[in-house]
Amino acid sequence: MGEERFGEFVLVRRHEDGHVAELALDRPQAMNAMSAEMARSVAGACAALGADRDVRVVVLTSTHERAFCVGADLKERNALSDAELVRQRPVARKAYTGVLELPVPTVAAVHGFALGGGFELALSCDVIVADGTAVVGLPEVSVGVIPGGGGTQLLPRRVGAARAAELIFTARRVEAAEARELGLVDVLVEDGRDRPEALALASRIAANSPVGLRAAKRALRLGHGLDLPAGLEVEDAAWRSVAFSGDRAEGVAAFNEKREPQWPGE
């Protein structure tokens, strides 16, 4: 298992022959509060992983025992002038869009606090696995701002407009069982099992065609929110991008020969 650091606060680990990449938030002294430096590191790691054709799945985790990420670094924000805050905004956005725009499937492993920007990082992933200690929420209006890492757009796509409005307007925190019931997280596991279960899920995903996975994610993301005819056109374009690939040929051959496929990834 190889490891690579991106700045001081992000650690990338490789699993499954490099096909599963774990992007670990590693700022334990601040419960992974998102500083400008950390945001740059998350964006840099995502750019590198997105360009790596060996990576089939990315798992977003935390090294802190009691938190996934508590959101923006408000101590840092408090010291900024208005001009500095404006300059920092694109830096912060690149971290969230970096996760959101990863071309491969993404899984968040959440335990403890995932609040504000921390929950938005999880919402930027395709699947959220949480353990029983998880507490999630978007409390930004309680400190005079709004969710600015995609929360006002991603949450209603998960739970509907009215539920998202209630959660954002009240700024309330939601514990694990209710979060699963409301659809704020997708898989609820035993305490301490979020990371291993997320990695196990990633391993199952990574066994499939890398060409197929990227195309399926593209179709899912681009087609969301379109009317059905337009969505089916998005799907057809994605299908055409894989129909004549080496992965398709290998997948069909492996099925007929009753063996495990050896994906060429092209």
C-alpha atoms as a PDB file:
ATOM      1  CA  MET A   1       0.000   0.000   0.000  1.00  0.00           C
ATOM      2  CA  GLY A   2       1.671   3.185  -1.208  1.00  0.00           C
ATOM      3  CA  GLU A   3       1.250   6.582   0.417  1.00  0.00           C
ATOM      4  CA  GLU A   4       1.658  10.097  -0.904  1.00  0.00           C
ATOM      5  CA  ARG A   5       1.225  13.442   0.821  1.00  0.00           C
ATOM      6  CA  PHE A   6      -0.392  16.486  -0.696  1.00  0.00           C
ATOM      7  CA  GLY A   7       0.714  19.336   1.526  1.00  0.00           C
ATOM      8  CA  GLU A   8       0.589  18.884   5.280  1.00  0.00           C
ATOM      9  CA  PHE A   9      -3.055  17.897   5.659  1.00  0.00           C
ATOM     10  CA  VAL A  10      -3.969  15.362   2.940  1.00  0.00           C
ATOM     11  CA  LEU A  11      -2.733  11.788   2.691  1.00  0.00           C
ATOM     12  CA  VAL A  12      -3.419   9.524  -0.288  1.00  0.00           C
ATOM     13  CA  ARG A  13      -3.143   5.785   0.163  1.00  0.00           C
ATOM     14  CA  ARG A  14      -3.346   3.211  -2.635  1.00  0.00           C
ATOM     15  CA  HIS A  15      -5.194  -0.091  -2.232  1.00  0.00           C
ATOM     16  CA  GLU A  16      -6.115  -2.973  -4.558  1.00  0.00           C
ATOM     17  CA  ASP A  17      -3.048  -2.659  -6.792  1.00  0.00           C
ATOM     18  CA  GLY A  18      -3.613   1.083  -6.974  1.00  0.00           C
ATOM     19  CA  HIS A  19      -7.183   0.789  -8.257  1.00  0.00           C
ATOM     20  CA  VAL A  20      -8.678   2.148  -5.003  1.00  0.00           C
ATOM     21  CA  ALA A  21      -7.292   5.473  -3.800  1.00  0.00           C
ATOM     22  CA  GLU A  22      -8.016   6.637  -0.268  1.00  0.00           C
ATOM     23  CA  LEU A  23      -7.953  10.404   0.162  1.00  0.00           C
ATOM     24  CA  ALA A  24      -7.553  10.906   3.914  1.00  0.00           C
ATOM     25  CA  LEU A  25      -8.211  14.271   5.565  1.00  0.00           C
ATOM     26  CA  ASP A  26      -5.335  14.574   8.025  1.00  0.00           C
ATOM     27  CA  ARG A  27      -5.520  17.736  10.095  1.00  0.00           C
ATOM     28  CA  PRO A  28      -6.272  16.144  13.468  1.00  0.00           C
ATOM     29  CA  GLN A  29      -5.326  19.122  15.628  1.00  0.00           C
ATOM     30  CA  ALA A  30      -8.246  21.063  14.105  1.00  0.00           C
ATOM     31  CA  MET A  31     -10.704  18.166  13.580  1.00  0.00           C
ATOM     32  CA  ASN A  32     -10.023  18.557   9.852  1.00  0.00           C
ATOM     33  CA  ALA A  33     -11.369  22.106   9.699  1.00  0.00           C
ATOM     34  CA  MET A  34     -10.947  23.269   6.109  1.00  0.00           C
ATOM     35  CA  SER A  35      -8.255  25.942   5.970  1.00  0.00           C
ATOM     36  CA  ALA A  36      -7.058  27.513   2.740  1.00  0.00           C
ATOM     37  CA  GLU A  37      -3.967  25.317   2.775  1.00  0.00           C
ATOM     38  CA  MET A  38      -6.021  22.187   3.307  1.00  0.00           C
ATOM     39  CA  ALA A  39      -8.407  23.200   0.512  1.00  0.00           C
ATOM     40  CA  ARG A  40      -5.471  23.565  -1.883  1.00  0.00           C
ATOM     41  CA  SER A  41      -4.246  20.117  -0.876  1.00  0.00           C
ATOM     42  CA  VAL A  42      -7.647  18.485  -1.413  1.00  0.00           C
ATOM     43  CA  ALA A  43      -7.921  20.124  -4.834  1.00  0.00           C
ATOM     44  CA  GLY A  44      -4.386  19.045  -5.759  1.00  0.00           C
ATOM     45  CA  ALA A  45      -4.975  15.466  -4.672  1.00  0.00           C
ATOM     46  CA  CYS A  46      -8.238  15.296  -6.637  1.00  0.00           C
ATOM     47  CA  ALA A  47      -6.573  16.655  -9.758  1.00  0.00           C
ATOM     48  CA  ALA A  48      -3.846  14.017  -9.519  1.00  0.00           C
ATOM     49  CA  LEU A  49      -6.271  11.159  -8.854  1.00  0.00           C
ATOM     50  CA  GLY A  50      -8.631  12.217 -11.619  1.00  0.00           C
ATOM     51  CA  ALA A  51      -5.785  12.098 -14.131  1.00  0.00           C
ATOM     52  CA  ASP A  52      -4.527   8.677 -12.957  1.00  0.00           C
ATOM     53  CA  ARG A  53      -6.004   6.014 -15.251  1.00  0.00           C
ATOM     54  CA  ASP A  54      -5.125   3.266 -12.749  1.00  0.00           C
ATOM     55  CA  VAL A  55      -7.563   4.710 -10.188  1.00  0.00           C
ATOM     56  CA  ARG A  56     -11.042   3.225 -10.431  1.00  0.00           C
ATOM     57  CA  VAL A  57     -12.563   4.392  -7.119  1.00  0.00           C
ATOM     58  CA  VAL A  58     -11.723   7.129  -4.591  1.00  0.00           C
ATOM     59  CA  VAL A  59     -12.634   6.778  -0.906  1.00  0.00           C
ATOM     60  CA  LEU A  60     -12.735   9.959   1.179  1.00  0.00           C
ATOM     61  CA  THR A  61     -11.800   9.285   4.819  1.00  0.00           C
ATOM     62  CA  SER A  62     -10.550  11.003   7.970  1.00  0.00           C
ATOM     63  CA  THR A  63      -7.660  10.230  10.295  1.00  0.00           C
ATOM     64  CA  HIS A  64      -9.399  11.946  13.246  1.00  0.00           C
ATOM     65  CA  GLU A  65     -11.117   9.620  15.719  1.00  0.00           C
ATOM     66  CA  ARG A  66     -14.068  11.906  16.449  1.00  0.00           C
ATOM     67  CA  ALA A  67     -14.637  13.836  13.253  1.00  0.00           C
ATOM     68  CA  PHE A  68     -14.792  13.469   9.513  1.00  0.00           C
ATOM     69  CA  CYS A  69     -14.537  17.247   8.998  1.00  0.00           C
ATOM     70  CA  VAL A  70     -16.071  20.067  11.043  1.00  0.00           C
ATOM     71  CA  GLY A  71     -16.285  22.434   8.086  1.00  0.00           C
ATOM     72  CA  ALA A  72     -14.558  25.714   7.343  1.00  0.00           C
ATOM     73  CA  ASP A  73     -11.746  26.910   9.589  1.00  0.00           C
ATOM     74  CA  LEU A  74     -13.672  29.743  11.272  1.00  0.00           C
ATOM     75  CA  LYS A  75     -10.623  30.866  13.244  1.00  0.00           C
ATOM     76  CA  GLU A  76      -8.804  31.465   9.980  1.00  0.00           C
ATOM     77  CA  ARG A  77     -11.872  33.099   8.436  1.00  0.00           C
ATOM     78  CA  ASN A  78     -12.259  35.451  11.414  1.00  0.00           C
ATOM     79  CA  ALA A  79      -8.811  36.897  10.761  1.00  0.00           C
ATOM     80  CA  LEU A  80      -9.457  37.654   7.090  1.00  0.00           C
ATOM     81  CA  SER A  81     -10.295  41.047   5.672  1.00  0.00           C
ATOM     82  CA  ASP A  82     -13.130  41.288   3.164  1.00  0.00           C
ATOM     83  CA  ALA A  83     -10.608  41.416   0.325  1.00  0.00           C
ATOM     84  CA  GLU A  84      -8.800  38.344   1.645  1.00  0.00           C
ATOM     85  CA  LEU A  85     -12.092  36.472   1.978  1.00  0.00           C
ATOM     86  CA  VAL A  86     -12.893  37.224  -1.664  1.00  0.00           C
ATOM     87  CA  ARG A  87      -9.471  35.925  -2.719  1.00  0.00           C
ATOM     88  CA  GLN A  88      -9.890  32.764  -0.652  1.00  0.00           C
ATOM     89  CA  ARG A  89     -13.272  31.880  -2.147  1.00  0.00           C
ATOM     90  CA  PRO A  90     -11.954  30.271  -5.370  1.00  0.00           C
ATOM     91  CA  VAL A  91      -9.444  28.284  -3.314  1.00  0.00           C
ATOM     92  CA  ALA A  92     -12.222  26.805  -1.171  1.00  0.00           C
ATOM     93  CA  ARG A  93     -14.445  26.098  -4.157  1.00  0.00           C
ATOM     94  CA  LYS A  94     -11.718  24.100  -5.892  1.00  0.00           C
ATOM     95  CA  ALA A  95     -11.636  21.636  -2.995  1.00  0.00           C
ATOM     96  CA  TYR A  96     -15.358  20.866  -3.226  1.00  0.00           C
ATOM     97  CA  THR A  97     -15.527  20.853  -7.009  1.00  0.00           C
ATOM     98  CA  GLY A  98     -12.375  18.735  -7.047  1.00  0.00           C
ATOM     99  CA  VAL A  99     -14.218  15.954  -5.221  1.00  0.00           C
ATOM    100  CA  LEU A 100     -17.462  16.504  -7.117  1.00  0.00           C
ATOM    101  CA  GLU A 101     -15.800  16.353 -10.528  1.00  0.00           C
ATOM    102  CA  LEU A 102     -13.707  13.243  -9.969  1.00  0.00           C
ATOM    103  CA  PRO A 103     -14.424  11.083 -13.037  1.00  0.00           C
ATOM    104  CA  VAL A 104     -14.489   7.829 -11.059  1.00  0.00           C
ATOM    105  CA  PRO A 105     -16.952   6.593  -8.412  1.00  0.00           C
ATOM    106  CA  THR A 106     -16.404   8.146  -4.989  1.00  0.00           C
ATOM    107  CA  VAL A 107     -17.328   6.868  -1.520  1.00  0.00           C
ATOM    108  CA  ALA A 108     -17.263   8.939   1.673  1.00  0.00           C
ATOM    109  CA  ALA A 109     -16.531   7.181   4.978  1.00  0.00           C
ATOM    110  CA  VAL A 110     -18.078   9.323   7.721  1.00  0.00           C
ATOM    111  CA  HIS A 111     -17.782   9.067  11.480  1.00  0.00           C
ATOM    112  CA  GLY A 112     -18.232  11.714  14.142  1.00  0.00           C
ATOM    113  CA  PHE A 113     -18.875  15.266  13.030  1.00  0.00           C
ATOM    114  CA  ALA A 114     -19.425  16.022   9.345  1.00  0.00           C
ATOM    115  CA  LEU A 115     -20.699  19.569   9.492  1.00  0.00           C
ATOM    116  CA  GLY A 116     -20.896  22.455   7.035  1.00  0.00           C
ATOM    117  CA  GLY A 117     -18.122  22.084   4.503  1.00  0.00           C
ATOM    118  CA  GLY A 118     -17.337  18.675   5.959  1.00  0.00           C
ATOM    119  CA  PHE A 119     -20.772  17.385   5.087  1.00  0.00           C
ATOM    120  CA  GLU A 120     -20.528  19.096   1.701  1.00  0.00           C
ATOM    121  CA  LEU A 121     -17.390  17.072   0.948  1.00  0.00           C
ATOM    122  CA  ALA A 122     -19.381  13.928   1.717  1.00  0.00           C
ATOM    123  CA  LEU A 123     -22.338  15.151  -0.367  1.00  0.00           C
ATOM    124  CA  SER A 124     -19.928  15.604  -3.269  1.00  0.00           C
ATOM    125  CA  CYS A 125     -19.331  11.848  -3.252  1.00  0.00           C
ATOM    126  CA  ASP A 126     -21.524   9.276  -4.994  1.00  0.00           C
ATOM    127  CA  VAL A 127     -22.138   7.121  -1.900  1.00  0.00           C
ATOM    128  CA  ILE A 128     -21.896   8.016   1.799  1.00  0.00           C
ATOM    129  CA  VAL A 129     -21.090   5.268   4.306  1.00  0.00           C
ATOM    130  CA  ALA A 130     -21.520   6.358   7.935  1.00  0.00           C
ATOM    131  CA  ASP A 131     -21.130   4.687  11.300  1.00  0.00           C
ATOM    132  CA  GLY A 132     -23.320   5.142  14.352  1.00  0.00           C
ATOM    133  CA  THR A 133     -21.265   8.046  15.713  1.00  0.00           C
ATOM    134  CA  ALA A 134     -21.913  10.238  12.666  1.00  0.00           C
ATOM    135  CA  VAL A 135     -23.482  13.659  13.148  1.00  0.00           C
ATOM    136  CA  VAL A 136     -24.163  15.579   9.938  1.00  0.00           C
ATOM    137  CA  GLY A 137     -25.610  18.949   9.075  1.00  0.00           C
ATOM    138  CA  LEU A 138     -25.302  22.272   7.308  1.00  0.00           C
ATOM    139  CA  PRO A 139     -25.260  24.871  10.126  1.00  0.00           C
ATOM    140  CA  GLU A 140     -23.964  27.816   8.083  1.00  0.00           C
ATOM    141  CA  VAL A 141     -26.951  30.144   8.598  1.00  0.00           C
ATOM    142  CA  SER A 142     -26.286  29.990  12.346  1.00  0.00           C
ATOM    143  CA  VAL A 143     -23.020  31.885  11.756  1.00  0.00           C
ATOM    144  CA  GLY A 144     -24.371  34.291   9.154  1.00  0.00           C
ATOM    145  CA  VAL A 145     -23.448  32.581   5.894  1.00  0.00           C
ATOM    146  CA  ILE A 146     -24.928  29.880   3.669  1.00  0.00           C
ATOM    147  CA  PRO A 147     -23.635  26.477   2.573  1.00  0.00           C
ATOM    148  CA  GLY A 148     -21.071  27.442  -0.035  1.00  0.00           C
ATOM    149  CA  GLY A 149     -19.471  24.120  -0.943  1.00  0.00           C
ATOM    150  CA  GLY A 150     -22.413  22.847  -2.945  1.00  0.00           C
ATOM    151  CA  GLY A 151     -24.799  22.160  -0.068  1.00  0.00           C
ATOM    152  CA  THR A 152     -27.763  24.174  -1.340  1.00  0.00           C
ATOM    153  CA  GLN A 153     -27.591  22.271  -4.632  1.00  0.00           C
ATOM    154  CA  LEU A 154     -26.486  18.784  -3.588  1.00  0.00           C
ATOM    155  CA  LEU A 155     -28.730  18.307  -0.554  1.00  0.00           C
ATOM    156  CA  PRO A 156     -32.056  18.864  -2.365  1.00  0.00           C
ATOM    157  CA  ARG A 157     -30.914  16.467  -5.062  1.00  0.00           C
ATOM    158  CA  ARG A 158     -30.613  13.848  -2.333  1.00  0.00           C
ATOM    159  CA  VAL A 159     -33.608  14.529  -0.115  1.00  0.00           C
ATOM    160  CA  GLY A 160     -35.916  16.897  -2.004  1.00  0.00           C
ATOM    161  CA  ALA A 161     -36.371  20.654  -1.821  1.00  0.00           C
ATOM    162  CA  ALA A 162     -38.592  20.854   1.260  1.00  0.00           C
ATOM    163  CA  ARG A 163     -36.468  18.551   3.412  1.00  0.00           C
ATOM    164  CA  ALA A 164     -33.290  20.342   2.350  1.00  0.00           C
ATOM    165  CA  ALA A 165     -34.884  23.703   3.173  1.00  0.00           C
ATOM    166  CA  GLU A 166     -35.850  22.527   6.652  1.00  0.00           C
ATOM    167  CA  LEU A 167     -32.365  21.214   7.367  1.00  0.00           C
ATOM    168  CA  ILE A 168     -30.555  24.279   6.013  1.00  0.00           C
ATOM    169  CA  PHE A 169     -32.914  26.879   7.531  1.00  0.00           C
ATOM    170  CA  THR A 170     -32.866  25.296  11.013  1.00  0.00           C
ATOM    171  CA  ALA A 171     -29.105  24.601  10.908  1.00  0.00           C
ATOM    172  CA  ARG A 172     -29.793  21.478  12.931  1.00  0.00           C
ATOM    173  CA  ARG A 173     -27.453  18.577  13.415  1.00  0.00           C
ATOM    174  CA  VAL A 174     -28.718  15.126  12.495  1.00  0.00           C
ATOM    175  CA  GLU A 175     -27.488  11.963  14.182  1.00  0.00           C
ATOM    176  CA  ALA A 176     -26.691   8.774  12.313  1.00  0.00           C
ATOM    177  CA  ALA A 177     -29.986   6.850  12.543  1.00  0.00           C
ATOM    178  CA  GLU A 178     -32.111   9.802  11.436  1.00  0.00           C
ATOM    179  CA  ALA A 179     -29.548  10.701   8.776  1.00  0.00           C
ATOM    180  CA  ARG A 180     -29.963   7.246   7.255  1.00  0.00           C
ATOM    181  CA  GLU A 181     -33.749   7.477   7.500  1.00  0.00           C
ATOM    182  CA  LEU A 182     -33.774  10.846   5.715  1.00  0.00           C
ATOM    183  CA  GLY A 183     -31.312   9.765   3.033  1.00  0.00           C
ATOM    184  CA  LEU A 184     -28.528  12.083   4.192  1.00  0.00           C
ATOM    185  CA  VAL A 185     -26.272   9.029   4.249  1.00  0.00           C
ATOM    186  CA  ASP A 186     -26.669   5.853   2.223  1.00  0.00           C
ATOM    187  CA  VAL A 187     -25.184   3.018   4.285  1.00  0.00           C
ATOM    188  CA  LEU A 188     -25.185   2.862   8.088  1.00  0.00           C
ATOM    189  CA  VAL A 189     -22.642   0.530   9.703  1.00  0.00           C
ATOM    190  CA  GLU A 190     -21.451  -0.341  13.193  1.00  0.00           C
ATOM    191  CA  ASP A 191     -19.359   2.173  15.106  1.00  0.00           C
ATOM    192  CA  GLY A 192     -15.802   2.272  13.823  1.00  0.00           C
ATOM    193  CA  ARG A 193     -16.645   0.362  10.649  1.00  0.00           C
ATOM    194  CA  ASP A 194     -17.153   3.289   8.261  1.00  0.00           C
ATOM    195  CA  ARG A 195     -13.668   3.192   6.754  1.00  0.00           C
ATOM    196  CA  PRO A 196     -13.305  -0.608   6.339  1.00  0.00           C
ATOM    197  CA  GLU A 197     -16.838  -0.906   4.957  1.00  0.00           C
ATOM    198  CA  ALA A 198     -16.274   1.978   2.544  1.00  0.00           C
ATOM    199  CA  LEU A 199     -13.022   0.408   1.364  1.00  0.00           C
ATOM    200  CA  ALA A 200     -14.747  -2.960   0.960  1.00  0.00           C
ATOM    201  CA  LEU A 201     -17.459  -1.307  -1.134  1.00  0.00           C
ATOM    202  CA  ALA A 202     -14.779   0.431  -3.188  1.00  0.00           C
ATOM    203  CA  SER A 203     -13.046  -2.892  -3.762  1.00  0.00           C
ATOM    204  CA  ARG A 204     -16.261  -4.411  -5.123  1.00  0.00           C
ATOM    205  CA  ILE A 205     -16.728  -1.423  -7.418  1.00  0.00           C
ATOM    206  CA  ALA A 206     -13.094  -1.510  -8.580  1.00  0.00           C
ATOM    207  CA  ALA A 207     -13.482  -5.103  -9.769  1.00  0.00           C
ATOM    208  CA  ASN A 208     -15.573  -3.773 -12.655  1.00  0.00           C
ATOM    209  CA  SER A 209     -14.528  -2.207 -15.937  1.00  0.00           C
ATOM    210  CA  PRO A 210     -12.713   1.117 -15.435  1.00  0.00           C
ATOM    211  CA  VAL A 211     -14.024   2.331 -18.790  1.00  0.00           C
ATOM    212  CA  GLY A 212     -17.544   1.305 -17.831  1.00  0.00           C
ATOM    213  CA  LEU A 213     -17.309   2.918 -14.398  1.00  0.00           C
ATOM    214  CA  ARG A 214     -16.222   6.288 -15.757  1.00  0.00           C
ATOM    215  CA  ALA A 215     -18.888   6.238 -18.446  1.00  0.00           C
ATOM    216  CA  ALA A 216     -21.618   5.190 -16.012  1.00  0.00           C
ATOM    217  CA  LYS A 217     -20.681   8.000 -13.627  1.00  0.00           C
ATOM    218  CA  ARG A 218     -20.662  10.490 -16.490  1.00  0.00           C
ATOM    219  CA  ALA A 219     -24.144   9.394 -17.559  1.00  0.00           C
ATOM    220  CA  LEU A 220     -25.475   9.536 -14.001  1.00  0.00           C
ATOM    221  CA  ARG A 221     -24.096  13.001 -13.332  1.00  0.00           C
ATOM    222  CA  LEU A 222     -24.851  14.621 -16.697  1.00  0.00           C
ATOM    223  CA  GLY A 223     -28.302  13.108 -16.961  1.00  0.00           C
ATOM    224  CA  HIS A 224     -29.480  14.118 -13.503  1.00  0.00           C
ATOM    225  CA  GLY A 225     -32.184  16.768 -13.677  1.00  0.00           C
ATOM    226  CA  LEU A 226     -32.749  16.449 -17.411  1.00  0.00           C
ATOM    227  CA  ASP A 227     -36.085  15.367 -18.828  1.00  0.00           C
ATOM    228  CA  LEU A 228     -36.210  11.698 -19.817  1.00  0.00           C
ATOM    229  CA  PRO A 229     -35.591  12.078 -23.568  1.00  0.00           C
ATOM    230  CA  ALA A 230     -32.558  14.295 -22.943  1.00  0.00           C
ATOM    231  CA  GLY A 231     -31.302  11.930 -20.250  1.00  0.00           C
ATOM    232  CA  LEU A 232     -31.564   8.987 -22.580  1.00  0.00           C
ATOM    233  CA  GLU A 233     -29.457  10.866 -25.135  1.00  0.00           C
ATOM    234  CA  VAL A 234     -26.790  11.374 -22.440  1.00  0.00           C
ATOM    235  CA  GLU A 235     -26.946   7.648 -21.710  1.00  0.00           C
ATOM    236  CA  ASP A 236     -26.664   6.756 -25.385  1.00  0.00           C
ATOM    237  CA  ALA A 237     -23.561   8.927 -25.776  1.00  0.00           C
ATOM    238  CA  ALA A 238     -21.997   7.225 -22.759  1.00  0.00           C
ATOM    239  CA  TRP A 239     -22.912   3.805 -24.163  1.00  0.00           C
ATOM    240  CA  ARG A 240     -21.282   4.625 -27.480  1.00  0.00           C
ATOM    241  CA  SER A 241     -18.100   5.631 -25.671  1.00  0.00           C
ATOM    242  CA  VAL A 242     -17.736   2.113 -24.223  1.00  0.00           C
ATOM    243  CA  ALA A 243     -19.428  -0.116 -26.813  1.00  0.00           C
ATOM    244  CA  PHE A 244     -16.307  -0.499 -28.940  1.00  0.00           C
ATOM    245  CA  SER A 245     -13.759  -0.406 -26.114  1.00  0.00           C
ATOM    246  CA  GLY A 246     -11.252  -3.045 -25.166  1.00  0.00           C
ATOM    247  CA  ASP A 247     -13.009  -3.392 -21.821  1.00  0.00           C
ATOM    248  CA  ARG A 248     -16.292  -4.298 -23.539  1.00  0.00           C
ATOM    249  CA  ALA A 249     -14.574  -6.930 -25.648  1.00  0.00           C
ATOM    250  CA  GLU A 250     -12.776  -8.365 -22.630  1.00  0.00           C
ATOM    251  CA  GLY A 251     -15.899  -8.332 -20.483  1.00  0.00           C
ATOM    252  CA  VAL A 252     -17.937 -10.282 -23.017  1.00  0.00           C
ATOM    253  CA  ALA A 253     -15.090 -12.734 -23.653  1.00  0.00           C
ATOM    254  CA  ALA A 254     -14.529 -13.330 -19.925  1.00  0.00           C
ATOM    255  CA  PHE A 255     -18.240 -13.956 -19.393  1.00  0.00           C
ATOM    256  CA  ASN A 256     -18.395 -16.523 -22.171  1.00  0.00           C
ATOM    257  CA  GLU A 257     -15.163 -18.176 -21.072  1.00  0.00           C
ATOM    258  CA  LYS A 258     -16.322 -18.257 -17.422  1.00  0.00           C
ATOM    259  CA  ARG A 259     -13.255 -16.458 -16.070  1.00  0.00           C
ATOM    260  CA  GLU A 260     -12.438 -13.216 -14.298  1.00  0.00           C
ATOM    261  CA  PRO A 261     -11.907 -10.308 -16.720  1.00  0.00           C
ATOM    262  CA  GLN A 262      -8.509  -8.719 -17.133  1.00  0.00           C
ATOM    263  CA  TRP A 263      -9.536  -5.167 -17.945  1.00  0.00           C
ATOM    264  CA  PRO A 264      -7.309  -3.326 -20.420  1.00  0.00           C
ATOM    265  CA  GLY A 265      -8.828  -0.046 -19.201  1.00  0.00           C
ATOM    266  CA  GLU A 266      -9.345   1.369 -22.671  1.00  0.00           C
END
